[in-house]
Amino acid sequence: MKYTASRLSEGNKLFPAQVIVEPTGITVRIPGFFSGDETSVGYNSISAVEIDTPFIGYSTIRFYHNGNKVEAHGFTKDDARAIKAAIEAGRARN
C-alpha cells in the first residue's frame, strides 16, 4: 500500500513524501529538488513507531531503526494511523 503526503502540508509543495508498506518492510521516500532520500527498512529492525496527530493540520510519522530516526510529515490522521498499524502488524508477524 502506498501513502502519499498532502501537497498542502509544509515542506511537500513540489515533492510530497511517500510511505510504501510492503510485505517485508516499509520504504520512505522524501524527494527533493536536486536529490532525495529513500530509506527501506525491514519490520524486524524497527524498534519504535510514533505519530503526531494535531487537532488541526497534518500528521507526522516517525520510526526508529538501528539507532536512526526516519520522519515524514503531511499525512492525514487516518493514513498515519494506518501506517502505524501496518508497521506494528508487520513487527508482530516477524
N, C-alpha and C. Protein backbone atom coordinates (compact mmCIF):
# COMPACT_ATOMS: atom_id res chain seq x y z
N MET A 1 0.86 -1.17 0.00
CA MET A 1 0.00 0.00 0.00
C MET A 1 0.91 1.23 0.00
N LYS A 2 0.55 2.20 -0.78
CA LYS A 2 1.34 3.43 -0.92
C LYS A 2 0.56 4.60 -0.35
N TYR A 3 1.20 5.35 0.53
CA TYR A 3 0.59 6.53 1.13
C TYR A 3 1.42 7.74 0.71
N THR A 4 0.75 8.77 0.23
CA THR A 4 1.42 9.99 -0.22
C THR A 4 0.96 11.16 0.62
N ALA A 5 1.91 11.96 1.06
CA ALA A 5 1.61 13.14 1.87
C ALA A 5 0.90 14.20 1.02
N SER A 6 0.19 15.07 1.69
CA SER A 6 -0.52 16.14 1.02
C SER A 6 0.45 17.21 0.52
N ARG A 7 0.18 17.73 -0.65
CA ARG A 7 0.99 18.82 -1.19
C ARG A 7 0.73 20.14 -0.44
N LEU A 8 -0.35 20.19 0.30
CA LEU A 8 -0.67 21.41 1.04
C LEU A 8 0.11 21.53 2.34
N SER A 9 0.73 20.43 2.77
CA SER A 9 1.46 20.46 4.04
C SER A 9 2.83 21.09 3.87
N GLU A 10 3.40 21.50 4.98
CA GLU A 10 4.68 22.18 4.98
C GLU A 10 5.79 21.27 4.46
N GLY A 11 6.60 21.78 3.52
CA GLY A 11 7.73 21.04 3.00
C GLY A 11 7.40 20.06 1.89
N ASN A 12 6.14 19.95 1.49
CA ASN A 12 5.75 18.97 0.48
C ASN A 12 5.12 19.61 -0.75
N LYS A 13 5.42 20.85 -1.02
CA LYS A 13 4.74 21.58 -2.11
C LYS A 13 4.98 20.96 -3.47
N LEU A 14 6.23 20.72 -3.83
CA LEU A 14 6.53 20.15 -5.14
C LEU A 14 6.70 18.64 -5.10
N PHE A 15 7.30 18.14 -4.04
CA PHE A 15 7.63 16.73 -3.96
C PHE A 15 7.12 16.15 -2.64
N PRO A 16 5.92 15.60 -2.61
CA PRO A 16 5.38 15.07 -1.36
C PRO A 16 6.08 13.77 -0.94
N ALA A 17 6.18 13.59 0.36
CA ALA A 17 6.76 12.37 0.92
C ALA A 17 5.84 11.19 0.64
N GLN A 18 6.43 10.00 0.58
CA GLN A 18 5.67 8.77 0.36
C GLN A 18 6.13 7.71 1.33
N VAL A 19 5.18 6.91 1.80
CA VAL A 19 5.48 5.73 2.60
C VAL A 19 4.85 4.55 1.88
N ILE A 20 5.67 3.57 1.56
CA ILE A 20 5.19 2.38 0.86
C ILE A 20 5.30 1.20 1.82
N VAL A 21 4.16 0.60 2.13
CA VAL A 21 4.10 -0.55 3.03
C VAL A 21 4.14 -1.81 2.17
N GLU A 22 5.15 -2.64 2.43
CA GLU A 22 5.36 -3.87 1.68
C GLU A 22 5.26 -5.06 2.63
N PRO A 23 5.18 -6.27 2.12
CA PRO A 23 5.07 -7.44 2.99
C PRO A 23 6.27 -7.64 3.92
N THR A 24 7.46 -7.21 3.49
CA THR A 24 8.67 -7.45 4.29
C THR A 24 9.14 -6.23 5.06
N GLY A 25 8.62 -5.06 4.76
CA GLY A 25 9.06 -3.84 5.43
C GLY A 25 8.43 -2.62 4.82
N ILE A 26 9.02 -1.46 5.09
CA ILE A 26 8.50 -0.22 4.54
C ILE A 26 9.61 0.54 3.82
N THR A 27 9.18 1.38 2.91
CA THR A 27 10.08 2.28 2.21
C THR A 27 9.55 3.68 2.38
N VAL A 28 10.42 4.60 2.82
CA VAL A 28 10.04 6.00 2.99
C VAL A 28 10.82 6.81 1.97
N ARG A 29 10.10 7.54 1.13
CA ARG A 29 10.71 8.40 0.12
C ARG A 29 10.41 9.85 0.46
N ILE A 30 11.48 10.60 0.62
CA ILE A 30 11.34 12.04 0.84
C ILE A 30 12.13 12.72 -0.27
N PRO A 31 11.44 13.04 -1.37
CA PRO A 31 12.13 13.61 -2.53
C PRO A 31 12.54 15.05 -2.30
N GLY A 32 13.51 15.47 -3.07
CA GLY A 32 13.97 16.85 -3.03
C GLY A 32 14.16 17.37 -4.44
N PHE A 33 14.51 18.63 -4.55
CA PHE A 33 14.64 19.25 -5.86
C PHE A 33 15.84 18.68 -6.62
N PHE A 34 17.00 18.62 -5.97
CA PHE A 34 18.19 18.10 -6.63
C PHE A 34 18.51 16.67 -6.21
N SER A 35 18.08 16.31 -5.04
CA SER A 35 18.30 14.94 -4.57
C SER A 35 17.20 14.59 -3.58
N GLY A 36 17.08 13.36 -3.29
CA GLY A 36 16.06 12.92 -2.36
C GLY A 36 16.63 11.89 -1.41
N ASP A 37 15.79 11.44 -0.51
CA ASP A 37 16.21 10.44 0.46
C ASP A 37 15.21 9.29 0.42
N GLU A 38 15.72 8.10 0.29
CA GLU A 38 14.87 6.92 0.29
C GLU A 38 15.44 5.93 1.29
N THR A 39 14.60 5.46 2.19
CA THR A 39 15.01 4.52 3.22
C THR A 39 14.10 3.30 3.18
N SER A 40 14.69 2.13 3.05
CA SER A 40 13.94 0.88 3.11
C SER A 40 14.36 0.13 4.36
N VAL A 41 13.37 -0.30 5.14
CA VAL A 41 13.65 -0.93 6.42
C VAL A 41 12.74 -2.13 6.59
N GLY A 42 13.31 -3.24 7.02
CA GLY A 42 12.53 -4.43 7.34
C GLY A 42 11.82 -4.26 8.67
N TYR A 43 10.70 -4.93 8.82
CA TYR A 43 9.93 -4.80 10.06
C TYR A 43 10.72 -5.22 11.28
N ASN A 44 11.58 -6.23 11.14
CA ASN A 44 12.29 -6.74 12.30
C ASN A 44 13.35 -5.78 12.83
N SER A 45 13.75 -4.77 12.07
CA SER A 45 14.73 -3.81 12.56
C SER A 45 14.11 -2.50 13.06
N ILE A 46 12.79 -2.39 13.00
CA ILE A 46 12.11 -1.19 13.51
C ILE A 46 11.89 -1.36 15.01
N SER A 47 12.43 -0.43 15.79
CA SER A 47 12.32 -0.55 17.25
C SER A 47 11.13 0.21 17.82
N ALA A 48 10.70 1.29 17.18
CA ALA A 48 9.57 2.06 17.70
C ALA A 48 8.92 2.86 16.58
N VAL A 49 7.62 3.13 16.74
CA VAL A 49 6.86 3.93 15.79
C VAL A 49 6.09 4.97 16.58
N GLU A 50 6.14 6.22 16.14
CA GLU A 50 5.40 7.30 16.79
C GLU A 50 4.66 8.09 15.72
N ILE A 51 3.49 8.60 16.08
CA ILE A 51 2.79 9.52 15.20
C ILE A 51 2.36 10.74 16.00
N ASP A 52 2.45 11.88 15.39
CA ASP A 52 1.95 13.13 15.96
C ASP A 52 0.75 13.53 15.13
N THR A 53 -0.42 13.55 15.76
CA THR A 53 -1.65 13.92 15.05
C THR A 53 -2.26 15.13 15.72
N PRO A 54 -1.95 16.32 15.23
CA PRO A 54 -2.53 17.52 15.83
C PRO A 54 -4.04 17.60 15.57
N PHE A 55 -4.71 18.39 16.37
CA PHE A 55 -6.16 18.56 16.22
C PHE A 55 -6.48 19.13 14.84
N ILE A 56 -5.68 20.11 14.42
CA ILE A 56 -5.84 20.71 13.09
C ILE A 56 -4.48 20.63 12.40
N GLY A 57 -4.48 20.15 11.20
CA GLY A 57 -3.23 20.06 10.45
C GLY A 57 -2.91 18.63 10.07
N TYR A 58 -1.72 18.46 9.55
CA TYR A 58 -1.29 17.16 9.04
C TYR A 58 -0.43 16.44 10.05
N SER A 59 -0.42 15.13 9.94
CA SER A 59 0.27 14.28 10.90
C SER A 59 1.71 14.00 10.45
N THR A 60 2.53 13.67 11.43
CA THR A 60 3.91 13.27 11.21
C THR A 60 4.08 11.85 11.73
N ILE A 61 4.72 11.01 10.95
CA ILE A 61 5.04 9.66 11.40
C ILE A 61 6.55 9.55 11.53
N ARG A 62 6.96 8.91 12.61
CA ARG A 62 8.38 8.82 12.93
C ARG A 62 8.65 7.39 13.37
N PHE A 63 9.69 6.79 12.84
CA PHE A 63 10.06 5.46 13.32
C PHE A 63 11.57 5.38 13.48
N TYR A 64 11.97 4.49 14.37
CA TYR A 64 13.37 4.33 14.74
C TYR A 64 13.84 2.94 14.34
N HIS A 65 15.01 2.88 13.75
CA HIS A 65 15.60 1.60 13.38
C HIS A 65 17.11 1.69 13.52
N ASN A 66 17.69 0.73 14.19
CA ASN A 66 19.14 0.65 14.37
C ASN A 66 19.75 1.98 14.84
N GLY A 67 19.06 2.67 15.72
CA GLY A 67 19.56 3.93 16.26
C GLY A 67 19.32 5.14 15.37
N ASN A 68 18.67 4.98 14.24
CA ASN A 68 18.38 6.09 13.33
C ASN A 68 16.90 6.45 13.41
N LYS A 69 16.61 7.72 13.13
CA LYS A 69 15.23 8.19 13.12
C LYS A 69 14.87 8.58 11.69
N VAL A 70 13.70 8.11 11.25
CA VAL A 70 13.17 8.49 9.94
C VAL A 70 11.82 9.15 10.18
N GLU A 71 11.61 10.31 9.56
CA GLU A 71 10.40 11.10 9.82
C GLU A 71 9.82 11.58 8.50
N ALA A 72 8.50 11.50 8.40
CA ALA A 72 7.79 12.00 7.21
C ALA A 72 6.57 12.78 7.69
N HIS A 73 6.30 13.93 7.08
CA HIS A 73 5.23 14.82 7.51
C HIS A 73 4.25 15.02 6.36
N GLY A 74 2.98 15.27 6.72
CA GLY A 74 2.00 15.67 5.72
C GLY A 74 0.90 14.67 5.46
N PHE A 75 0.76 13.68 6.32
CA PHE A 75 -0.25 12.65 6.12
C PHE A 75 -1.52 12.97 6.90
N THR A 76 -2.64 12.48 6.41
CA THR A 76 -3.88 12.64 7.17
C THR A 76 -3.80 11.75 8.41
N LYS A 77 -4.66 12.02 9.37
CA LYS A 77 -4.66 11.22 10.60
C LYS A 77 -4.94 9.76 10.30
N ASP A 78 -5.89 9.51 9.41
CA ASP A 78 -6.23 8.12 9.06
C ASP A 78 -5.05 7.41 8.40
N ASP A 79 -4.36 8.10 7.50
CA ASP A 79 -3.20 7.49 6.85
C ASP A 79 -2.09 7.20 7.86
N ALA A 80 -1.83 8.15 8.74
CA ALA A 80 -0.78 7.95 9.75
C ALA A 80 -1.11 6.78 10.66
N ARG A 81 -2.35 6.67 11.07
CA ARG A 81 -2.76 5.55 11.92
C ARG A 81 -2.69 4.24 11.16
N ALA A 82 -3.05 4.23 9.88
CA ALA A 82 -2.98 3.02 9.07
C ALA A 82 -1.52 2.58 8.87
N ILE A 83 -0.62 3.52 8.65
CA ILE A 83 0.80 3.20 8.50
C ILE A 83 1.33 2.60 9.80
N LYS A 84 1.01 3.23 10.91
CA LYS A 84 1.47 2.72 12.21
C LYS A 84 0.92 1.32 12.46
N ALA A 85 -0.35 1.10 12.18
CA ALA A 85 -0.95 -0.22 12.38
C ALA A 85 -0.29 -1.27 11.49
N ALA A 86 0.02 -0.92 10.24
CA ALA A 86 0.67 -1.86 9.33
C ALA A 86 2.08 -2.21 9.81
N ILE A 87 2.80 -1.21 10.32
CA ILE A 87 4.15 -1.47 10.84
C ILE A 87 4.08 -2.37 12.06
N GLU A 88 3.16 -2.08 12.97
CA GLU A 88 3.04 -2.90 14.17
C GLU A 88 2.59 -4.33 13.83
N ALA A 89 1.70 -4.47 12.85
CA ALA A 89 1.29 -5.82 12.43
C ALA A 89 2.46 -6.56 11.79
N GLY A 90 3.25 -5.88 10.98
CA GLY A 90 4.43 -6.49 10.37
C GLY A 90 5.46 -6.90 11.41
N ARG A 91 5.63 -6.07 12.43
CA ARG A 91 6.58 -6.41 13.50
C ARG A 91 6.09 -7.62 14.28
N ALA A 92 4.77 -7.75 14.47
CA ALA A 92 4.23 -8.88 15.22
C ALA A 92 4.38 -10.19 14.44
N ARG A 93 4.32 -10.12 13.11
CA ARG A 93 4.49 -11.32 12.28
C ARG A 93 5.92 -11.81 12.28
N ASN A 94 6.87 -10.89 12.38
CA ASN A 94 8.29 -11.27 12.29
C ASN A 94 8.88 -11.53 13.61
